[in-house]
């Protein structure tokens, strides 16, 4: 599962409402990616900084201040149950706040 999450170019395949993802730079263990999220007629773009701790964690933070006041996601991976070597346990954390009241109301429709 960790290699899938570290493959930013394929986020559109499994991240809800992600229409496009493109790596714009990689430097000192941080991947900067531009993501397009939403659904017609409302789509937005933001830049996310993604860091990976191999075999353990993927963390993405949005610091560009255009769409979010803050946004952080963390995916942590742990070994699966004994005797099931091809499995893992996943801990997922997300915290975000939209700048726009419109975006907040739309998110409430989908997350409630």
C-alpha atoms as a PDB file:
ATOM      1  CA  UNK A   1       0.000   0.000   0.000  1.00  0.00           C
ATOM      2  CA  UNK A   2       2.825   2.442   0.776  1.00  0.00           C
ATOM      3  CA  UNK A   3       4.266   2.451  -2.776  1.00  0.00           C
ATOM      4  CA  UNK A   4       0.788   3.262  -4.124  1.00  0.00           C
ATOM      5  CA  UNK A   5       0.443   6.305  -1.848  1.00  0.00           C
ATOM      6  CA  UNK A   6       3.932   7.494  -2.680  1.00  0.00           C
ATOM      7  CA  UNK A   7       3.041   7.448  -6.415  1.00  0.00           C
ATOM      8  CA  UNK A   8       1.609  10.966  -6.649  1.00  0.00           C
ATOM      9  CA  UNK A   9       0.896  10.777 -10.374  1.00  0.00           C
ATOM     10  CA  UNK A  10      -1.795   8.131  -9.696  1.00  0.00           C
ATOM     11  CA  UNK A  11      -3.669   9.933  -6.901  1.00  0.00           C
ATOM     12  CA  UNK A  12      -6.614  10.471  -9.254  1.00  0.00           C
ATOM     13  CA  UNK A  13      -7.107   6.700  -9.264  1.00  0.00           C
ATOM     14  CA  UNK A  14      -7.809   6.398  -5.518  1.00  0.00           C
ATOM     15  CA  UNK A  15      -8.048   9.809  -3.808  1.00  0.00           C
ATOM     16  CA  UNK A  16     -11.693  10.940  -3.696  1.00  0.00           C
ATOM     17  CA  UNK A  17     -12.478  13.946  -5.913  1.00  0.00           C
ATOM     18  CA  UNK A  18      -8.874  14.168  -7.177  1.00  0.00           C
ATOM     19  CA  UNK A  19      -9.037  14.804 -10.925  1.00  0.00           C
ATOM     20  CA  UNK A  20      -5.352  15.363 -11.586  1.00  0.00           C
ATOM     21  CA  UNK A  21      -2.028  15.199  -9.755  1.00  0.00           C
ATOM     22  CA  UNK A  22       1.334  16.271 -11.064  1.00  0.00           C
ATOM     23  CA  UNK A  23       4.754  16.277  -9.414  1.00  0.00           C
ATOM     24  CA  UNK A  24       6.306  19.719  -9.827  1.00  0.00           C
ATOM     25  CA  UNK A  25       9.533  19.183  -7.855  1.00  0.00           C
ATOM     26  CA  UNK A  26      11.443  16.833  -5.578  1.00  0.00           C
ATOM     27  CA  UNK A  27      14.078  18.129  -3.191  1.00  0.00           C
ATOM     28  CA  UNK A  28      15.551  16.821   0.074  1.00  0.00           C
ATOM     29  CA  UNK A  29      12.889  14.154   0.555  1.00  0.00           C
ATOM     30  CA  UNK A  30       9.933  16.471  -0.120  1.00  0.00           C
ATOM     31  CA  UNK A  31       7.807  16.048  -3.238  1.00  0.00           C
ATOM     32  CA  UNK A  32       5.803  19.109  -4.260  1.00  0.00           C
ATOM     33  CA  UNK A  33       2.729  18.222  -6.253  1.00  0.00           C
ATOM     34  CA  UNK A  34      -0.076  20.186  -7.830  1.00  0.00           C
ATOM     35  CA  UNK A  35      -3.466  18.578  -7.300  1.00  0.00           C
ATOM     36  CA  UNK A  36      -6.769  19.379  -8.929  1.00  0.00           C
ATOM     37  CA  UNK A  37      -9.814  18.419  -6.882  1.00  0.00           C
ATOM     38  CA  UNK A  38     -13.552  18.803  -7.225  1.00  0.00           C
ATOM     39  CA  UNK A  39     -16.290  18.029  -9.653  1.00  0.00           C
ATOM     40  CA  UNK A  40     -17.812  20.136 -12.428  1.00  0.00           C
ATOM     41  CA  UNK A  41     -18.494  22.965 -12.302  1.00  0.00           C
ATOM     42  CA  UNK A  42     -16.282  23.464  -9.226  1.00  0.00           C
ATOM     43  CA  UNK A  43     -12.657  22.401  -9.445  1.00  0.00           C
ATOM     44  CA  UNK A  44      -9.729  23.864  -7.552  1.00  0.00           C
ATOM     45  CA  UNK A  45      -5.962  23.454  -7.569  1.00  0.00           C
ATOM     46  CA  UNK A  46      -3.544  23.474  -4.690  1.00  0.00           C
ATOM     47  CA  UNK A  47       0.051  22.510  -4.002  1.00  0.00           C
ATOM     48  CA  UNK A  48       0.824  19.761  -1.530  1.00  0.00           C
ATOM     49  CA  UNK A  49       4.184  18.895   0.028  1.00  0.00           C
ATOM     50  CA  UNK A  50       4.513  15.135   0.423  1.00  0.00           C
ATOM     51  CA  UNK A  51       7.080  13.390   2.574  1.00  0.00           C
ATOM     52  CA  UNK A  52       7.596   9.638   2.846  1.00  0.00           C
ATOM     53  CA  UNK A  53       9.148   7.593   5.613  1.00  0.00           C
ATOM     54  CA  UNK A  54       9.805   4.355   3.710  1.00  0.00           C
ATOM     55  CA  UNK A  55       7.753   1.380   4.892  1.00  0.00           C
ATOM     56  CA  UNK A  56       5.977   3.505   7.512  1.00  0.00           C
ATOM     57  CA  UNK A  57       4.345   6.813   6.574  1.00  0.00           C
ATOM     58  CA  UNK A  58       3.173   9.223   3.879  1.00  0.00           C
ATOM     59  CA  UNK A  59       2.382  12.782   4.987  1.00  0.00           C
ATOM     60  CA  UNK A  60       0.904  15.512   2.794  1.00  0.00           C
ATOM     61  CA  UNK A  61       0.573  19.155   3.836  1.00  0.00           C
ATOM     62  CA  UNK A  62      -0.888  22.074   1.926  1.00  0.00           C
ATOM     63  CA  UNK A  63       0.892  25.331   2.735  1.00  0.00           C
ATOM     64  CA  UNK A  64       0.076  27.438  -0.327  1.00  0.00           C
ATOM     65  CA  UNK A  65      -2.876  29.165   1.380  1.00  0.00           C
ATOM     66  CA  UNK A  66      -5.117  29.381  -1.681  1.00  0.00           C
ATOM     67  CA  UNK A  67      -7.778  26.742  -1.015  1.00  0.00           C
ATOM     68  CA  UNK A  68      -7.165  25.754   2.616  1.00  0.00           C
ATOM     69  CA  UNK A  69      -6.406  27.574   5.839  1.00  0.00           C
ATOM     70  CA  UNK A  70      -4.700  24.302   6.683  1.00  0.00           C
ATOM     71  CA  UNK A  71      -4.694  20.755   5.335  1.00  0.00           C
ATOM     72  CA  UNK A  72      -2.729  17.740   6.523  1.00  0.00           C
ATOM     73  CA  UNK A  73      -3.125  14.049   5.797  1.00  0.00           C
ATOM     74  CA  UNK A  74      -1.047  11.269   7.315  1.00  0.00           C
ATOM     75  CA  UNK A  75      -1.131   7.609   6.295  1.00  0.00           C
ATOM     76  CA  UNK A  76       0.739   5.308   8.722  1.00  0.00           C
ATOM     77  CA  UNK A  77       1.397   1.663   7.974  1.00  0.00           C
ATOM     78  CA  UNK A  78       2.026  -1.148  10.436  1.00  0.00           C
ATOM     79  CA  UNK A  79       2.639  -4.865   9.904  1.00  0.00           C
ATOM     80  CA  UNK A  80      -0.516  -6.912   9.412  1.00  0.00           C
ATOM     81  CA  UNK A  81      -1.657  -9.780  11.612  1.00  0.00           C
ATOM     82  CA  UNK A  82       0.755 -12.620  12.311  1.00  0.00           C
ATOM     83  CA  UNK A  83       0.721 -15.216   9.570  1.00  0.00           C
ATOM     84  CA  UNK A  84      -0.533 -12.738   6.941  1.00  0.00           C
ATOM     85  CA  UNK A  85       2.688 -11.317   5.474  1.00  0.00           C
ATOM     86  CA  UNK A  86       1.042  -9.592   2.496  1.00  0.00           C
ATOM     87  CA  UNK A  87      -1.168  -7.422   4.709  1.00  0.00           C
ATOM     88  CA  UNK A  88      -0.809  -4.238   6.715  1.00  0.00           C
ATOM     89  CA  UNK A  89      -2.749  -2.142   9.177  1.00  0.00           C
ATOM     90  CA  UNK A  90      -3.437   1.440   8.129  1.00  0.00           C
ATOM     91  CA  UNK A  91      -3.930   4.466  10.342  1.00  0.00           C
ATOM     92  CA  UNK A  92      -5.335   7.507   8.511  1.00  0.00           C
ATOM     93  CA  UNK A  93      -5.474  11.074   9.815  1.00  0.00           C
ATOM     94  CA  UNK A  94      -6.850  14.137   8.047  1.00  0.00           C
ATOM     95  CA  UNK A  95      -7.314  17.712   9.234  1.00  0.00           C
ATOM     96  CA  UNK A  96      -8.396  20.574   6.992  1.00  0.00           C
ATOM     97  CA  UNK A  97     -10.208  23.878   6.934  1.00  0.00           C
ATOM     98  CA  UNK A  98     -11.286  25.579   3.725  1.00  0.00           C
ATOM     99  CA  UNK A  99     -10.770  29.309   3.271  1.00  0.00           C
ATOM    100  CA  UNK A 100     -14.090  29.650   1.459  1.00  0.00           C
ATOM    101  CA  UNK A 101     -17.490  29.282   3.117  1.00  0.00           C
ATOM    102  CA  UNK A 102     -18.806  27.830  -0.173  1.00  0.00           C
ATOM    103  CA  UNK A 103     -16.197  25.060  -0.133  1.00  0.00           C
ATOM    104  CA  UNK A 104     -16.958  24.347   3.545  1.00  0.00           C
ATOM    105  CA  UNK A 105     -20.668  23.965   2.831  1.00  0.00           C
ATOM    106  CA  UNK A 106     -19.995  21.673  -0.139  1.00  0.00           C
ATOM    107  CA  UNK A 107     -17.654  19.522   1.949  1.00  0.00           C
ATOM    108  CA  UNK A 108     -20.305  19.185   4.642  1.00  0.00           C
ATOM    109  CA  UNK A 109     -22.712  17.772   2.060  1.00  0.00           C
ATOM    110  CA  UNK A 110     -20.251  14.981   1.233  1.00  0.00           C
ATOM    111  CA  UNK A 111     -18.792  14.287   4.692  1.00  0.00           C
ATOM    112  CA  UNK A 112     -21.966  14.223   6.783  1.00  0.00           C
END
